[in-house]
Amino acid sequence: MNKLVHTAEEALKDIIDGSVVMLGGFGLCGIPENCIAALVKKGVTGLTCISNNAGVDDFGIGLLLKRKQVKKMIASYVGENAEFERQLLSGELEVELIPQGTLATRCMAAGYGMPAIFTPAGVGTEVAEGKEVRNFKGKDYLLEYAFDADFAIVKAWKGDTQGNLIYKETARNFNPMMAMAGKITIAEVEELVPAGELDPNNIHTPGIYVHRIFQGAGYEKRIEQRTVRKRKAAQE
């Protein structure tokens, strides 16, 4: 199976209006910048996006929100995006906010082929509304269903032509579990090497989970909130 494609546009060729898409990343760390830009250019609408957060107003998933391409956002945090807030309050955007651990575990369940999980997170809160609650050994748990995503789009540091991926430090975040969970997984990488060049002991996502891979370019790697300590006055 030839997994190598040459551009983000080619990788996303069959994403259509109404698709359910997982996007790796945490904040602006480890996000698939090239694929997001290609989705904006493609102009698909009615997307359901599953991601830890919704980017910022002018970057990441925020670019899709700005152009009204997202119908529903499933995330655990959305606090840095004013346009997201506006669309939510105006009723233009469907939103499902879920605990971060539940988001991760629902991704993992999809990757493992499990239909659902039970979790104590959210019991007794708005998160539990309309969901089955079951008691195990005296403790209540919520039934949460595995995600059912058409596509998973992830970003890795290195990859090979067979789809094996290595992530760098905290940019790993949600990428490995989302790579396992999509019906079709698309990976963009900073460095693409021939099959066999990556040390098998260092591979985080085996190529069996990846259907398409390409080498990205021009990564900005923005920082959401840049915080620096004040420089101490020079001592005399």
C-alpha atoms as a PDB file:
ATOM      1  CA  MET A   1       0.000   0.000   0.000  1.00  0.00           C
ATOM      2  CA  ASN A   2       1.457   3.334  -1.070  1.00  0.00           C
ATOM      3  CA  LYS A   3       0.806   5.808   1.745  1.00  0.00           C
ATOM      4  CA  LEU A   4       2.947   8.637   0.448  1.00  0.00           C
ATOM      5  CA  VAL A   5       1.212  11.734  -0.884  1.00  0.00           C
ATOM      6  CA  HIS A   6       2.923  14.955  -1.877  1.00  0.00           C
ATOM      7  CA  THR A   7       0.630  17.691  -0.590  1.00  0.00           C
ATOM      8  CA  ALA A   8      -1.935  18.366   2.107  1.00  0.00           C
ATOM      9  CA  GLU A   9      -4.513  18.946  -0.610  1.00  0.00           C
ATOM     10  CA  GLU A  10      -3.931  15.449  -1.986  1.00  0.00           C
ATOM     11  CA  ALA A  11      -4.095  13.948   1.502  1.00  0.00           C
ATOM     12  CA  LEU A  12      -7.460  15.611   2.179  1.00  0.00           C
ATOM     13  CA  LYS A  13      -8.993  14.872  -1.208  1.00  0.00           C
ATOM     14  CA  ASP A  14     -11.996  12.927   0.110  1.00  0.00           C
ATOM     15  CA  ILE A  15     -12.915  15.098   3.090  1.00  0.00           C
ATOM     16  CA  ILE A  16     -16.333  16.449   2.149  1.00  0.00           C
ATOM     17  CA  ASP A  17     -18.998  18.661   3.687  1.00  0.00           C
ATOM     18  CA  GLY A  18     -20.311  17.143   6.911  1.00  0.00           C
ATOM     19  CA  SER A  19     -17.243  15.015   7.664  1.00  0.00           C
ATOM     20  CA  VAL A  20     -16.286  14.182  11.263  1.00  0.00           C
ATOM     21  CA  VAL A  21     -12.623  15.054  11.723  1.00  0.00           C
ATOM     22  CA  MET A  22     -10.238  14.541  14.646  1.00  0.00           C
ATOM     23  CA  LEU A  23      -7.353  17.004  14.851  1.00  0.00           C
ATOM     24  CA  GLY A  24      -4.319  16.297  17.011  1.00  0.00           C
ATOM     25  CA  GLY A  25      -2.617  18.895  19.146  1.00  0.00           C
ATOM     26  CA  PHE A  26      -2.858  20.593  22.516  1.00  0.00           C
ATOM     27  CA  GLY A  27      -3.239  24.335  22.458  1.00  0.00           C
ATOM     28  CA  LEU A  28      -1.103  25.276  19.478  1.00  0.00           C
ATOM     29  CA  CYS A  29       1.459  22.543  20.203  1.00  0.00           C
ATOM     30  CA  GLY A  30       1.671  19.693  17.720  1.00  0.00           C
ATOM     31  CA  ILE A  31      -1.206  20.813  15.514  1.00  0.00           C
ATOM     32  CA  PRO A  32      -1.431  19.807  11.821  1.00  0.00           C
ATOM     33  CA  GLU A  33      -0.870  23.308  10.463  1.00  0.00           C
ATOM     34  CA  ASN A  34      -0.581  22.340   6.795  1.00  0.00           C
ATOM     35  CA  CYS A  35      -3.754  20.259   6.823  1.00  0.00           C
ATOM     36  CA  ILE A  36      -5.768  22.950   8.581  1.00  0.00           C
ATOM     37  CA  ALA A  37      -4.648  25.497   5.984  1.00  0.00           C
ATOM     38  CA  ALA A  38      -5.636  23.065   3.220  1.00  0.00           C
ATOM     39  CA  LEU A  39      -9.090  22.539   4.767  1.00  0.00           C
ATOM     40  CA  VAL A  40      -9.587  26.303   4.833  1.00  0.00           C
ATOM     41  CA  LYS A  41      -8.577  26.515   1.175  1.00  0.00           C
ATOM     42  CA  LYS A  42     -10.782  23.541   0.253  1.00  0.00           C
ATOM     43  CA  GLY A  43     -13.785  25.337   1.735  1.00  0.00           C
ATOM     44  CA  VAL A  44     -15.587  22.277   3.112  1.00  0.00           C
ATOM     45  CA  THR A  45     -18.400  23.125   5.520  1.00  0.00           C
ATOM     46  CA  GLY A  46     -20.568  21.446   8.127  1.00  0.00           C
ATOM     47  CA  LEU A  47     -17.556  19.817   9.770  1.00  0.00           C
ATOM     48  CA  THR A  48     -17.670  18.198  13.187  1.00  0.00           C
ATOM     49  CA  CYS A  49     -14.231  18.779  14.706  1.00  0.00           C
ATOM     50  CA  ILE A  50     -12.904  16.743  17.627  1.00  0.00           C
ATOM     51  CA  SER A  51      -9.894  18.352  19.252  1.00  0.00           C
ATOM     52  CA  ASN A  52      -8.596  19.227  22.695  1.00  0.00           C
ATOM     53  CA  ASN A  53      -9.280  22.902  21.982  1.00  0.00           C
ATOM     54  CA  ALA A  54     -10.436  25.261  19.254  1.00  0.00           C
ATOM     55  CA  GLY A  55      -7.202  27.083  18.454  1.00  0.00           C
ATOM     56  CA  VAL A  56      -7.088  30.877  18.621  1.00  0.00           C
ATOM     57  CA  ASP A  57      -8.881  33.450  16.508  1.00  0.00           C
ATOM     58  CA  ASP A  58      -6.364  33.589  13.675  1.00  0.00           C
ATOM     59  CA  PHE A  59      -4.594  30.240  13.878  1.00  0.00           C
ATOM     60  CA  GLY A  60      -5.267  26.522  14.118  1.00  0.00           C
ATOM     61  CA  ILE A  61      -8.900  25.425  14.152  1.00  0.00           C
ATOM     62  CA  GLY A  62      -9.731  29.078  14.754  1.00  0.00           C
ATOM     63  CA  LEU A  63      -9.208  29.614  11.014  1.00  0.00           C
ATOM     64  CA  LEU A  64     -11.949  27.084  10.240  1.00  0.00           C
ATOM     65  CA  LEU A  65     -14.286  28.677  12.788  1.00  0.00           C
ATOM     66  CA  LYS A  66     -13.639  32.133  11.376  1.00  0.00           C
ATOM     67  CA  ARG A  67     -14.842  30.968   7.957  1.00  0.00           C
ATOM     68  CA  LYS A  68     -17.912  29.185   9.392  1.00  0.00           C
ATOM     69  CA  GLN A  69     -16.687  25.766   8.236  1.00  0.00           C
ATOM     70  CA  VAL A  70     -17.358  24.039  11.572  1.00  0.00           C
ATOM     71  CA  LYS A  71     -20.888  22.947  12.483  1.00  0.00           C
ATOM     72  CA  LYS A  72     -20.015  21.257  15.767  1.00  0.00           C
ATOM     73  CA  MET A  73     -16.993  21.453  18.050  1.00  0.00           C
ATOM     74  CA  ILE A  74     -16.182  18.643  20.486  1.00  0.00           C
ATOM     75  CA  ALA A  75     -13.420  19.764  22.853  1.00  0.00           C
ATOM     76  CA  SER A  76     -12.312  20.038  26.457  1.00  0.00           C
ATOM     77  CA  TYR A  77     -11.121  23.656  26.389  1.00  0.00           C
ATOM     78  CA  VAL A  78     -12.007  26.645  24.240  1.00  0.00           C
ATOM     79  CA  GLY A  79     -10.977  29.642  26.323  1.00  0.00           C
ATOM     80  CA  GLU A  80      -8.574  31.370  23.923  1.00  0.00           C
ATOM     81  CA  ASN A  81     -10.933  31.890  21.003  1.00  0.00           C
ATOM     82  CA  ALA A  82     -13.212  34.937  20.975  1.00  0.00           C
ATOM     83  CA  GLU A  83     -14.868  33.938  17.687  1.00  0.00           C
ATOM     84  CA  PHE A  84     -15.692  30.545  19.157  1.00  0.00           C
ATOM     85  CA  GLU A  85     -17.337  32.280  22.124  1.00  0.00           C
ATOM     86  CA  ARG A  86     -19.340  34.550  19.826  1.00  0.00           C
ATOM     87  CA  GLN A  87     -20.616  31.652  17.704  1.00  0.00           C
ATOM     88  CA  LEU A  88     -21.493  29.634  20.804  1.00  0.00           C
ATOM     89  CA  LEU A  89     -23.456  32.431  22.464  1.00  0.00           C
ATOM     90  CA  SER A  90     -25.261  33.311  19.232  1.00  0.00           C
ATOM     91  CA  GLY A  91     -26.300  29.697  18.630  1.00  0.00           C
ATOM     92  CA  GLU A  92     -24.352  29.433  15.375  1.00  0.00           C
ATOM     93  CA  LEU A  93     -22.166  26.598  16.634  1.00  0.00           C
ATOM     94  CA  GLU A  94     -22.982  23.305  18.342  1.00  0.00           C
ATOM     95  CA  VAL A  95     -20.603  22.586  21.195  1.00  0.00           C
ATOM     96  CA  GLU A  96     -19.928  19.495  23.284  1.00  0.00           C
ATOM     97  CA  LEU A  97     -17.536  20.225  26.133  1.00  0.00           C
ATOM     98  CA  ILE A  98     -16.187  17.123  27.823  1.00  0.00           C
ATOM     99  CA  PRO A  99     -13.526  16.465  30.469  1.00  0.00           C
ATOM    100  CA  GLN A 100     -10.047  16.176  28.995  1.00  0.00           C
ATOM    101  CA  GLY A 101      -9.496  12.661  30.317  1.00  0.00           C
ATOM    102  CA  THR A 102     -12.813  11.557  28.843  1.00  0.00           C
ATOM    103  CA  LEU A 103     -11.829  13.044  25.491  1.00  0.00           C
ATOM    104  CA  ALA A 104      -8.584  11.079  25.546  1.00  0.00           C
ATOM    105  CA  THR A 105     -10.249   7.839  26.627  1.00  0.00           C
ATOM    106  CA  ARG A 106     -13.000   8.080  24.004  1.00  0.00           C
ATOM    107  CA  CYS A 107     -10.236   8.403  21.388  1.00  0.00           C
ATOM    108  CA  MET A 108      -8.453   5.387  22.846  1.00  0.00           C
ATOM    109  CA  ALA A 109     -11.663   3.359  22.928  1.00  0.00           C
ATOM    110  CA  ALA A 110     -12.186   4.024  19.214  1.00  0.00           C
ATOM    111  CA  GLY A 111      -8.619   2.937  18.505  1.00  0.00           C
ATOM    112  CA  TYR A 112      -9.022  -0.234  20.547  1.00  0.00           C
ATOM    113  CA  GLY A 113     -12.304  -1.155  18.865  1.00  0.00           C
ATOM    114  CA  MET A 114     -14.313  -0.678  22.069  1.00  0.00           C
ATOM    115  CA  PRO A 115     -17.810   0.795  21.628  1.00  0.00           C
ATOM    116  CA  ALA A 116     -17.926   2.609  24.970  1.00  0.00           C
ATOM    117  CA  ILE A 117     -16.286   3.196  28.337  1.00  0.00           C
ATOM    118  CA  PHE A 118     -17.432   3.929  31.884  1.00  0.00           C
ATOM    119  CA  THR A 119     -15.849   6.861  33.681  1.00  0.00           C
ATOM    120  CA  PRO A 120     -16.475   8.688  36.983  1.00  0.00           C
ATOM    121  CA  ALA A 121     -15.588  12.037  35.380  1.00  0.00           C
ATOM    122  CA  GLY A 122     -18.623  14.290  35.112  1.00  0.00           C
ATOM    123  CA  VAL A 123     -20.962  12.357  37.417  1.00  0.00           C
ATOM    124  CA  GLY A 124     -23.366  14.773  39.091  1.00  0.00           C
ATOM    125  CA  THR A 125     -22.598  17.621  36.668  1.00  0.00           C
ATOM    126  CA  GLU A 126     -24.040  18.953  33.413  1.00  0.00           C
ATOM    127  CA  VAL A 127     -21.751  16.516  31.612  1.00  0.00           C
ATOM    128  CA  ALA A 128     -23.970  13.664  32.860  1.00  0.00           C
ATOM    129  CA  GLU A 129     -27.245  15.027  31.458  1.00  0.00           C
ATOM    130  CA  GLY A 130     -28.983  12.424  29.291  1.00  0.00           C
ATOM    131  CA  LYS A 131     -26.313   9.774  29.844  1.00  0.00           C
ATOM    132  CA  GLU A 132     -26.550   6.356  31.426  1.00  0.00           C
ATOM    133  CA  VAL A 133     -25.149   6.133  34.959  1.00  0.00           C
ATOM    134  CA  ARG A 134     -24.153   2.756  36.351  1.00  0.00           C
ATOM    135  CA  ASN A 135     -22.923   1.887  39.822  1.00  0.00           C
ATOM    136  CA  PHE A 136     -19.865  -0.296  40.298  1.00  0.00           C
ATOM    137  CA  LYS A 137     -18.864  -1.264  43.847  1.00  0.00           C
ATOM    138  CA  GLY A 138     -20.722   1.666  45.315  1.00  0.00           C
ATOM    139  CA  LYS A 139     -19.434   4.321  42.890  1.00  0.00           C
ATOM    140  CA  ASP A 140     -21.325   5.916  39.967  1.00  0.00           C
ATOM    141  CA  TYR A 141     -19.881   5.960  36.472  1.00  0.00           C
ATOM    142  CA  LEU A 142     -21.029   7.575  33.213  1.00  0.00           C
ATOM    143  CA  LEU A 143     -21.373   5.638  29.995  1.00  0.00           C
ATOM    144  CA  GLU A 144     -19.422   7.455  27.279  1.00  0.00           C
ATOM    145  CA  TYR A 145     -19.334   6.262  23.663  1.00  0.00           C
ATOM    146  CA  ALA A 146     -16.171   5.897  21.607  1.00  0.00           C
ATOM    147  CA  PHE A 147     -15.755   8.536  18.933  1.00  0.00           C
ATOM    148  CA  ASP A 148     -16.778   7.660  15.389  1.00  0.00           C
ATOM    149  CA  ALA A 149     -14.560   9.864  13.216  1.00  0.00           C
ATOM    150  CA  ASP A 150     -14.270   9.703   9.452  1.00  0.00           C
ATOM    151  CA  PHE A 151     -10.752  11.142   9.527  1.00  0.00           C
ATOM    152  CA  ALA A 152      -7.953  11.700  12.016  1.00  0.00           C
ATOM    153  CA  ILE A 153      -5.404  14.368  11.099  1.00  0.00           C
ATOM    154  CA  VAL A 154      -2.192  14.333  13.119  1.00  0.00           C
ATOM    155  CA  LYS A 155       1.204  16.006  13.115  1.00  0.00           C
ATOM    156  CA  ALA A 156       4.493  14.284  13.939  1.00  0.00           C
ATOM    157  CA  TRP A 157       8.136  15.270  14.088  1.00  0.00           C
ATOM    158  CA  LYS A 158       9.473  12.410  11.957  1.00  0.00           C
ATOM    159  CA  GLY A 159       7.832   9.765   9.852  1.00  0.00           C
ATOM    160  CA  ASP A 160       8.721   7.221   7.207  1.00  0.00           C
ATOM    161  CA  THR A 161       7.048   6.241   3.966  1.00  0.00           C
ATOM    162  CA  GLN A 162       5.283   3.331   5.704  1.00  0.00           C
ATOM    163  CA  GLY A 163       3.550   5.738   8.095  1.00  0.00           C
ATOM    164  CA  ASN A 164       5.573   5.054  11.239  1.00  0.00           C
ATOM    165  CA  LEU A 165       5.636   8.204  13.374  1.00  0.00           C
ATOM    166  CA  ILE A 166       7.785   9.802  16.060  1.00  0.00           C
ATOM    167  CA  TYR A 167       6.536  12.816  18.010  1.00  0.00           C
ATOM    168  CA  LYS A 168       8.783  15.310  19.752  1.00  0.00           C
ATOM    169  CA  GLU A 169       8.347  15.897  23.479  1.00  0.00           C
ATOM    170  CA  THR A 170       5.028  17.525  24.472  1.00  0.00           C
ATOM    171  CA  ALA A 171       3.943  17.810  20.842  1.00  0.00           C
ATOM    172  CA  ARG A 172       3.005  14.153  21.201  1.00  0.00           C
ATOM    173  CA  ASN A 173      -0.101  15.054  23.304  1.00  0.00           C
ATOM    174  CA  PHE A 174      -3.334  13.850  21.618  1.00  0.00           C
ATOM    175  CA  ASN A 175      -1.717  12.827  18.332  1.00  0.00           C
ATOM    176  CA  PRO A 176      -0.976   9.113  19.025  1.00  0.00           C
ATOM    177  CA  MET A 177      -4.444   8.249  20.319  1.00  0.00           C
ATOM    178  CA  MET A 178      -6.175  10.140  17.513  1.00  0.00           C
ATOM    179  CA  ALA A 179      -3.960   8.451  14.947  1.00  0.00           C
ATOM    180  CA  MET A 180      -5.358   5.120  16.184  1.00  0.00           C
ATOM    181  CA  ALA A 181      -8.975   6.255  16.112  1.00  0.00           C
ATOM    182  CA  GLY A 182      -9.786   7.580  12.645  1.00  0.00           C
ATOM    183  CA  LYS A 183     -11.221   5.472   9.854  1.00  0.00           C
ATOM    184  CA  ILE A 184      -8.663   7.231   7.654  1.00  0.00           C
ATOM    185  CA  THR A 185      -5.597   8.706   9.370  1.00  0.00           C
ATOM    186  CA  ILE A 186      -3.585  11.432   7.682  1.00  0.00           C
ATOM    187  CA  ALA A 187      -0.168  12.367   9.063  1.00  0.00           C
ATOM    188  CA  GLU A 188       1.915  15.405   8.244  1.00  0.00           C
ATOM    189  CA  VAL A 189       5.528  15.340   9.397  1.00  0.00           C
ATOM    190  CA  GLU A 190       8.405  17.770   9.640  1.00  0.00           C
ATOM    191  CA  GLU A 191      10.881  15.213   8.326  1.00  0.00           C
ATOM    192  CA  LEU A 192      10.035  12.282   6.051  1.00  0.00           C
ATOM    193  CA  VAL A 193      12.543   9.440   5.670  1.00  0.00           C
ATOM    194  CA  PRO A 194      12.598   6.131   3.756  1.00  0.00           C
ATOM    195  CA  ALA A 195      11.124   3.057   5.433  1.00  0.00           C
ATOM    196  CA  GLY A 196      13.644   1.378   7.723  1.00  0.00           C
ATOM    197  CA  GLU A 197      15.491   4.516   8.818  1.00  0.00           C
ATOM    198  CA  LEU A 198      13.580   5.016  12.066  1.00  0.00           C
ATOM    199  CA  ASP A 199      14.667   3.084  15.143  1.00  0.00           C
ATOM    200  CA  PRO A 200      11.772   0.694  15.889  1.00  0.00           C
ATOM    201  CA  ASN A 201      12.314   1.264  19.623  1.00  0.00           C
ATOM    202  CA  ASN A 202      11.529   4.972  19.216  1.00  0.00           C
ATOM    203  CA  ILE A 203       8.359   4.737  17.118  1.00  0.00           C
ATOM    204  CA  HIS A 204       5.290   6.097  18.885  1.00  0.00           C
ATOM    205  CA  THR A 205       2.634   5.357  16.235  1.00  0.00           C
ATOM    206  CA  PRO A 206       3.095   2.201  14.124  1.00  0.00           C
ATOM    207  CA  GLY A 207       2.438   2.660  10.433  1.00  0.00           C
ATOM    208  CA  ILE A 208      -0.497   0.234  10.495  1.00  0.00           C
ATOM    209  CA  TYR A 209      -2.635   3.093  11.823  1.00  0.00           C
ATOM    210  CA  VAL A 210      -1.624   5.630   9.160  1.00  0.00           C
ATOM    211  CA  HIS A 211      -3.179   5.680   5.702  1.00  0.00           C
ATOM    212  CA  ARG A 212      -1.561   8.790   4.182  1.00  0.00           C
ATOM    213  CA  ILE A 213       1.613  10.687   5.006  1.00  0.00           C
ATOM    214  CA  PHE A 214       3.352  13.747   3.604  1.00  0.00           C
ATOM    215  CA  GLN A 215       6.110  16.155   4.548  1.00  0.00           C
ATOM    216  CA  GLY A 216       4.792  19.502   5.702  1.00  0.00           C
ATOM    217  CA  ALA A 217       6.504  22.855   5.449  1.00  0.00           C
ATOM    218  CA  GLY A 218       6.532  26.368   6.888  1.00  0.00           C
ATOM    219  CA  TYR A 219       5.559  25.480  10.445  1.00  0.00           C
ATOM    220  CA  GLU A 220       4.987  28.555  12.625  1.00  0.00           C
ATOM    221  CA  LYS A 221       4.683  26.646  15.922  1.00  0.00           C
ATOM    222  CA  ARG A 222       3.032  29.563  17.664  1.00  0.00           C
ATOM    223  CA  ILE A 223       2.850  29.931  21.422  1.00  0.00           C
ATOM    224  CA  GLU A 224      -0.635  30.578  22.805  1.00  0.00           C
ATOM    225  CA  GLN A 225       0.396  32.598  25.831  1.00  0.00           C
ATOM    226  CA  ARG A 226       4.006  33.751  25.902  1.00  0.00           C
ATOM    227  CA  THR A 227       5.028  34.413  29.481  1.00  0.00           C
ATOM    228  CA  VAL A 228       8.482  35.573  30.498  1.00  0.00           C
ATOM    229  CA  ARG A 229       9.869  36.605  33.834  1.00  0.00           C
ATOM    230  CA  LYS A 230      11.057  40.153  34.252  1.00  0.00           C
ATOM    231  CA  ARG A 231      14.769  40.612  33.953  1.00  0.00           C
ATOM    232  CA  LYS A 232      16.368  41.540  37.257  1.00  0.00           C
ATOM    233  CA  ALA A 233      18.078  44.895  37.387  1.00  0.00           C
ATOM    234  CA  ALA A 234      21.810  44.595  36.960  1.00  0.00           C
ATOM    235  CA  GLN A 235      23.643  44.726  40.245  1.00  0.00           C
ATOM    236  CA  GLU A 236      26.100  47.576  40.653  1.00  0.00           C
END
